[in-house]
Amino acid sequence: MRIYMQTEVAPREPLRFYHLILQPDLLGGWLVIREWGYQGSRGRSRRDHYPDRDEAQEAMIRQRDSQLARGYRVVFMEGGSRA
């Protein structure tokens, strides 16, 4: 599952992105990978490990909702349902 978000276009404000990725790891757990920064830049990333998919997906949805509250909008979503 992937969710890609951006800030709205505003004068003199660079676009920012926030990318969430949910994927299994090699040991039976799940990762939520977060990437964020200015559009066109390398940005930053963080990986959080969860023991099961449900817990990881809940964390991903909480992160999405947090970013929506900060002014981001969903541009692209792949896999899963829109919770």
Protein backbone atom coordinates (compact mmCIF):
# COMPACT_ATOMS: atom_id res chain seq x y z
CA MET A 1 0.00 0.00 0.00
CA ARG A 2 1.26 3.48 -0.88
CA ILE A 3 -0.05 6.98 -0.20
CA TYR A 4 1.57 10.03 -1.80
CA MET A 5 0.59 13.50 -0.52
CA GLN A 6 1.55 17.08 -1.34
CA THR A 7 0.87 20.53 0.04
CA GLU A 8 -1.30 22.90 -1.95
CA VAL A 9 0.34 25.25 -4.43
CA ALA A 10 0.90 28.62 -2.77
CA PRO A 11 2.78 31.72 -3.93
CA ARG A 12 6.39 31.78 -2.72
CA GLU A 13 5.95 28.48 -0.87
CA PRO A 14 7.75 25.43 -2.25
CA LEU A 15 5.70 22.26 -2.65
CA ARG A 16 6.28 19.66 0.03
CA PHE A 17 5.65 15.94 -0.27
CA TYR A 18 4.88 13.13 2.19
CA HIS A 19 5.05 9.51 1.02
CA LEU A 20 3.84 6.53 3.09
CA ILE A 21 4.65 2.94 2.11
CA LEU A 22 3.46 -0.24 3.83
CA GLN A 23 5.45 -3.38 3.06
CA PRO A 24 6.36 -6.73 4.64
CA ASP A 25 9.88 -7.27 5.94
CA LEU A 26 11.91 -10.47 5.58
CA LEU A 27 11.26 -11.66 9.15
CA GLY A 28 7.46 -11.77 9.07
CA GLY A 29 6.83 -8.24 10.36
CA TRP A 30 5.71 -5.10 8.57
CA LEU A 31 7.35 -1.76 7.83
CA VAL A 32 5.82 1.68 7.48
CA ILE A 33 8.25 3.78 5.49
CA ARG A 34 7.79 7.55 5.61
CA GLU A 35 9.54 9.92 3.21
CA TRP A 36 9.08 13.69 3.30
CA GLY A 37 10.63 16.94 2.14
CA TYR A 38 10.51 19.61 -0.54
CA GLN A 39 9.36 18.54 -3.99
CA GLY A 40 12.42 17.79 -6.13
CA SER A 41 14.73 17.31 -3.15
CA ARG A 42 16.11 14.11 -1.70
CA GLY A 43 14.07 14.56 1.47
CA ARG A 44 14.24 12.49 4.62
CA SER A 45 12.98 9.03 5.50
CA ARG A 46 12.10 6.90 8.49
CA ARG A 47 11.24 3.20 8.83
CA ASP A 48 9.06 1.91 11.68
CA HIS A 49 8.69 -1.83 12.32
CA TYR A 50 5.42 -3.47 13.43
CA PRO A 51 4.77 -7.13 14.33
CA ASP A 52 1.59 -7.47 12.23
CA ARG A 53 -0.09 -5.90 9.22
CA ASP A 54 -3.12 -4.53 11.09
CA GLU A 55 -0.99 -2.58 13.55
CA ALA A 56 1.22 -1.25 10.74
CA GLN A 57 -1.78 -0.22 8.64
CA GLU A 58 -3.37 1.58 11.61
CA ALA A 59 -0.11 3.49 12.18
CA MET A 60 0.01 4.39 8.49
CA ILE A 61 -3.57 5.70 8.54
CA ARG A 62 -2.86 7.74 11.70
CA GLN A 63 0.17 9.25 9.95
CA ARG A 64 -1.93 10.04 6.86
CA ASP A 65 -4.62 11.71 8.98
CA SER A 66 -1.99 13.72 10.84
CA GLN A 67 -0.56 15.06 7.58
CA LEU A 68 -4.03 15.82 6.17
CA ALA A 69 -4.64 17.96 9.27
CA ARG A 70 -1.40 19.84 8.48
CA GLY A 71 -2.63 20.82 5.00
CA TYR A 72 -1.41 17.97 2.80
CA ARG A 73 -3.74 16.39 0.26
CA VAL A 74 -3.69 12.85 -1.12
CA VAL A 75 -2.43 12.89 -4.71
CA PHE A 76 -1.99 9.16 -5.24
CA MET A 77 -3.05 6.03 -3.40
CA GLU A 78 -2.26 2.46 -4.41
CA GLY A 79 -3.54 -0.75 -2.78
CA GLY A 80 -5.81 -1.14 0.22
CA SER A 81 -9.00 0.78 0.84
CA ARG A 82 -9.45 4.42 1.72
CA ALA A 83 -9.97 4.23 5.47
